[in-house]
Amino acid sequence: MTPYEHEQNDARAAGGRPSFWERIRRAFAPKMAVWLITPAGRDDEVLYAAHTKKAAFLAAHALVFRHFFPHYSAWLPLHGHGDPDGSDMRGYGIESDAWREYLEANIDAADAYLSTLEVRRALYDRRAFAAMVRVMCGAAPLGLNFETDEEIECWLSAAEAAIAEGKEGEGEGEEKPSTPLDKKAKKGHNGGGKKKRAGAKRGSGRSAKKGGPAKKAPGSKKGGPNGN
């Protein structure tokens, strides 16, 4: 057994908390930094991720453009830009003089929206990065001690959603293709695959949790606001 495996066993024996040497190993493990744009004061939702701080600020500018686009497209023809109906937006993008003119005319509103955003630096080691890849690929957890709580929660949420969707299809009397996950869930629900008694009431099951790209990335270690 390797020293690392000994440390993992000691951690499990201590109630799951990593040993002192394991915490040192993680602290000095090579990490990569990415820059996240989140709602101000929150780290449970990611609006965008960039590979450099400069790219993150460019993305924040693009978020401002997207936020104000409906008003901007109506503003253009009223100030001598574009077609009278505002249908032709070619040449009026984020790098255009028209957009800069719009920002100058609506600087307070743009600043108010920017104040709702925050640029953060997040550090990921290879363990956290691998966990994110497993989440994105939908890989089922195998019960290994390096799997993160976040990825297990994401997978359980997806499994519950799949089960709930299957039950809704059964209620409508429609035949839907079964997946291995559906068969496994039904087997567990029916007590090991035994047939249900005639007239037995079907259980409702737990409601599915909502998950998505807005979830907190697993295993991230975020720096202070605005990259500090």
Protein backbone atom coordinates (compact mmCIF):
# COMPACT_ATOMS: atom_id res chain seq x y z
CA MET A 1 0.00 0.00 0.00
CA THR A 2 1.38 3.41 -0.96
CA PRO A 3 1.82 6.30 1.55
CA TYR A 4 -1.03 8.09 -0.24
CA GLU A 5 -3.36 5.12 0.32
CA HIS A 6 -2.33 5.04 3.99
CA GLU A 7 -3.24 8.72 4.27
CA GLN A 8 -6.61 8.09 2.66
CA ASN A 9 -7.33 5.24 5.10
CA ASP A 10 -6.33 7.45 8.04
CA ALA A 11 -8.64 10.17 6.70
CA ARG A 12 -11.57 7.75 6.48
CA ALA A 13 -10.87 6.50 9.99
CA ALA A 14 -10.90 10.10 11.24
CA GLY A 15 -14.35 10.70 9.85
CA GLY A 16 -13.40 11.72 6.31
CA ARG A 17 -11.21 14.74 7.14
CA PRO A 18 -7.91 14.73 5.19
CA SER A 19 -4.78 14.24 7.26
CA PHE A 20 -2.34 17.08 7.89
CA TRP A 21 0.10 15.76 5.26
CA GLU A 22 -2.72 15.36 2.76
CA ARG A 23 -3.74 18.99 3.29
CA ILE A 24 -0.11 20.05 2.71
CA ARG A 25 0.04 17.96 -0.47
CA ARG A 26 -3.14 19.60 -1.78
CA ALA A 27 -1.95 23.08 -0.84
CA PHE A 28 1.25 22.73 -2.87
CA ALA A 29 -0.21 20.74 -5.77
CA PRO A 30 0.11 22.51 -9.16
CA LYS A 31 -2.97 24.59 -9.87
CA MET A 32 -4.38 26.51 -12.78
CA ALA A 33 -6.27 29.77 -12.49
CA VAL A 34 -9.44 30.70 -14.35
CA TRP A 35 -11.48 33.87 -14.02
CA LEU A 36 -15.18 33.63 -13.25
CA ILE A 37 -17.93 36.20 -13.62
CA THR A 38 -20.59 35.71 -10.96
CA PRO A 39 -23.45 37.74 -9.50
CA ALA A 40 -22.01 40.11 -6.91
CA GLY A 41 -21.69 38.54 -3.46
CA ARG A 42 -22.49 35.01 -4.70
CA ASP A 43 -20.35 32.07 -5.68
CA ASP A 44 -23.09 29.50 -6.34
CA GLU A 45 -23.73 30.75 -9.89
CA VAL A 46 -21.26 31.24 -12.72
CA LEU A 47 -22.27 33.52 -15.59
CA TYR A 48 -19.06 33.09 -17.59
CA ALA A 49 -15.54 31.64 -17.28
CA ALA A 50 -12.42 33.04 -18.96
CA HIS A 51 -8.80 31.93 -19.15
CA THR A 52 -7.30 35.36 -18.30
CA LYS A 53 -8.37 38.42 -16.32
CA LYS A 54 -8.37 40.53 -19.50
CA ALA A 55 -10.68 38.02 -21.19
CA ALA A 56 -12.98 38.15 -18.16
CA PHE A 57 -13.31 41.94 -18.45
CA LEU A 58 -14.06 41.59 -22.18
CA ALA A 59 -16.74 39.05 -21.27
CA ALA A 60 -18.21 41.47 -18.71
CA HIS A 61 -18.42 44.10 -21.46
CA ALA A 62 -20.21 41.56 -23.68
CA LEU A 63 -22.67 40.81 -20.85
CA VAL A 64 -23.45 44.54 -20.68
CA PHE A 65 -24.05 44.56 -24.44
CA ARG A 66 -26.38 41.57 -24.21
CA HIS A 67 -28.25 43.04 -21.25
CA PHE A 68 -28.94 46.34 -22.98
CA PHE A 69 -29.39 44.97 -26.51
CA PRO A 70 -33.22 45.34 -26.66
CA HIS A 71 -33.01 48.99 -25.61
CA TYR A 72 -29.92 49.58 -27.75
CA SER A 73 -31.57 48.20 -30.91
CA ALA A 74 -34.54 50.54 -30.35
CA TRP A 75 -32.19 53.46 -29.60
CA LEU A 76 -30.22 53.15 -32.87
CA PRO A 77 -32.81 54.36 -35.42
CA LEU A 78 -33.86 57.21 -33.09
CA HIS A 79 -30.29 58.55 -33.20
CA GLY A 80 -29.61 58.21 -36.91
CA HIS A 81 -28.18 54.68 -36.95
CA GLY A 82 -29.40 51.63 -38.86
CA ASP A 83 -32.73 51.11 -40.56
CA PRO A 84 -35.81 52.99 -39.35
CA ASP A 85 -37.26 49.73 -38.03
CA GLY A 86 -34.00 48.72 -36.34
CA SER A 87 -33.87 45.36 -38.14
CA ASP A 88 -30.37 45.73 -39.64
CA MET A 89 -27.78 45.47 -36.84
CA ARG A 90 -24.76 44.81 -39.04
CA GLY A 91 -21.95 47.18 -38.16
CA TYR A 92 -23.44 48.13 -34.77
CA GLY A 93 -21.80 45.54 -32.57
CA ILE A 94 -19.77 45.85 -29.40
CA GLU A 95 -16.80 47.49 -31.19
CA SER A 96 -18.88 50.06 -33.07
CA ASP A 97 -18.93 53.83 -32.57
CA ALA A 98 -22.70 53.62 -32.13
CA TRP A 99 -22.33 51.32 -29.11
CA ARG A 100 -19.75 53.64 -27.54
CA GLU A 101 -22.12 56.56 -28.09
CA TYR A 102 -24.92 54.56 -26.47
CA LEU A 103 -22.77 53.78 -23.43
CA GLU A 104 -21.84 57.43 -22.99
CA ALA A 105 -25.51 58.37 -23.10
CA ASN A 106 -26.48 55.61 -20.62
CA ILE A 107 -23.39 55.43 -18.43
CA ASP A 108 -25.31 55.42 -15.13
CA ALA A 109 -27.48 52.49 -16.20
CA ALA A 110 -24.43 50.57 -17.46
CA ASP A 111 -22.57 51.18 -14.19
CA ALA A 112 -25.61 50.04 -12.21
CA TYR A 113 -25.68 46.76 -14.13
CA LEU A 114 -21.91 46.26 -13.78
CA SER A 115 -22.25 46.65 -10.02
CA THR A 116 -24.34 43.45 -10.01
CA LEU A 117 -21.39 41.47 -11.43
CA GLU A 118 -18.16 40.31 -9.86
CA VAL A 119 -14.92 39.01 -11.37
CA ARG A 120 -13.28 36.29 -9.29
CA ARG A 121 -10.13 34.22 -9.64
CA ALA A 122 -10.63 30.50 -9.06
CA LEU A 123 -7.81 28.00 -8.58
CA TYR A 124 -8.27 24.40 -9.66
CA ASP A 125 -5.94 21.47 -9.14
CA ARG A 126 -6.02 18.38 -11.34
CA ARG A 127 -8.41 16.63 -8.92
CA ALA A 128 -10.99 19.42 -9.21
CA PHE A 129 -10.52 19.69 -12.96
CA ALA A 130 -11.08 15.95 -13.41
CA ALA A 131 -14.25 16.22 -11.29
CA MET A 132 -15.57 18.97 -13.58
CA VAL A 133 -14.88 16.83 -16.64
CA ARG A 134 -16.81 13.93 -15.07
CA VAL A 135 -19.75 16.26 -14.35
CA MET A 136 -19.78 17.64 -17.89
CA CYS A 137 -19.61 14.13 -19.38
CA GLY A 138 -22.29 12.74 -17.07
CA ALA A 139 -19.96 10.07 -15.67
CA ALA A 140 -21.57 8.16 -12.80
CA PRO A 141 -19.67 8.23 -9.46
CA LEU A 142 -17.92 4.97 -8.57
CA GLY A 143 -17.71 5.51 -4.81
CA LEU A 144 -14.02 6.42 -4.88
CA ASN A 145 -12.64 8.60 -2.09
CA PHE A 146 -11.38 11.35 -4.42
CA GLU A 147 -14.82 12.03 -5.90
CA THR A 148 -16.25 15.36 -4.74
CA ASP A 149 -19.54 16.00 -2.97
CA GLU A 150 -20.53 18.43 -5.74
CA GLU A 151 -20.23 15.89 -8.55
CA ILE A 152 -22.14 13.27 -6.55
CA GLU A 153 -24.91 15.81 -5.92
CA CYS A 154 -25.04 16.71 -9.63
CA TRP A 155 -25.32 13.07 -10.64
CA LEU A 156 -28.03 12.33 -8.08
CA SER A 157 -30.00 15.36 -9.28
CA ALA A 158 -29.75 14.15 -12.88
CA ALA A 159 -30.78 10.63 -11.84
CA GLU A 160 -33.83 11.90 -9.94
CA ALA A 161 -34.81 14.06 -12.93
CA ALA A 162 -34.57 11.03 -15.25
CA ILE A 163 -36.70 8.93 -12.89
CA ALA A 164 -39.31 11.69 -12.56
CA GLU A 165 -39.45 12.09 -16.34
CA GLY A 166 -39.97 8.34 -16.74
CA LYS A 167 -42.85 8.37 -14.24
CA GLU A 168 -44.51 11.27 -16.05
CA GLY A 169 -44.33 9.31 -19.31
CA GLU A 170 -45.93 6.28 -17.64
CA GLY A 171 -48.75 8.44 -16.30
CA GLU A 172 -49.53 9.64 -19.82
CA GLY A 173 -49.66 6.08 -21.12
CA GLU A 174 -46.83 6.67 -23.59
CA GLU A 175 -44.13 4.15 -24.31
CA LYS A 176 -40.67 5.63 -23.82
CA PRO A 177 -37.36 3.84 -24.47
CA SER A 178 -35.93 2.47 -21.24
CA THR A 179 -32.40 3.30 -20.18
CA PRO A 180 -30.20 1.27 -17.82
CA LEU A 181 -30.72 4.01 -15.24
CA ASP A 182 -34.53 3.73 -15.55
CA LYS A 183 -34.43 -0.06 -15.19
CA LYS A 184 -32.19 0.15 -12.13
CA ALA A 185 -34.41 2.76 -10.50
CA LYS A 186 -37.59 0.75 -11.18
CA LYS A 187 -35.99 -2.41 -9.80
CA GLY A 188 -35.09 -0.67 -6.55
CA HIS A 189 -38.51 0.97 -6.30
CA ASN A 190 -40.36 -2.35 -6.76
CA GLY A 191 -38.34 -4.22 -4.14
CA GLY A 192 -35.76 -6.06 -6.19
CA GLY A 193 -37.75 -6.54 -9.36
CA LYS A 194 -40.84 -8.25 -7.87
CA LYS A 195 -44.18 -7.48 -9.52
CA LYS A 196 -46.40 -5.04 -7.72
CA ARG A 197 -49.69 -6.24 -6.31
CA ALA A 198 -52.73 -5.56 -8.46
CA GLY A 199 -54.28 -2.22 -7.61
CA ALA A 200 -51.28 -1.11 -5.57
CA LYS A 201 -50.92 2.65 -5.47
CA ARG A 202 -47.88 3.96 -7.29
CA GLY A 203 -45.55 6.10 -5.14
CA SER A 204 -44.91 9.63 -6.18
CA GLY A 205 -41.19 9.61 -5.46
CA ARG A 206 -39.08 12.63 -4.56
CA SER A 207 -39.25 15.69 -6.67
CA ALA A 208 -36.28 16.25 -8.94
CA LYS A 209 -33.80 18.96 -8.08
CA LYS A 210 -33.04 21.57 -10.65
CA GLY A 211 -29.47 21.58 -11.82
CA GLY A 212 -27.54 23.22 -14.67
CA PRO A 213 -24.49 25.13 -15.79
CA ALA A 214 -25.15 27.74 -13.18
CA LYS A 215 -24.06 25.39 -10.37
CA LYS A 216 -20.93 26.05 -8.39
CA ALA A 217 -17.98 24.35 -10.05
CA PRO A 218 -16.84 21.33 -7.98
CA GLY A 219 -13.69 21.63 -5.96
CA SER A 220 -12.90 25.24 -6.79
CA LYS A 221 -10.87 27.45 -4.47
CA LYS A 222 -11.91 31.00 -5.25
CA GLY A 223 -9.83 34.05 -4.54
CA GLY A 224 -11.24 37.34 -3.35
CA PRO A 225 -13.59 39.56 -5.31
CA ASN A 226 -12.18 41.15 -8.46
CA GLY A 227 -9.24 38.77 -8.56
CA ASN A 228 -7.74 39.55 -5.18
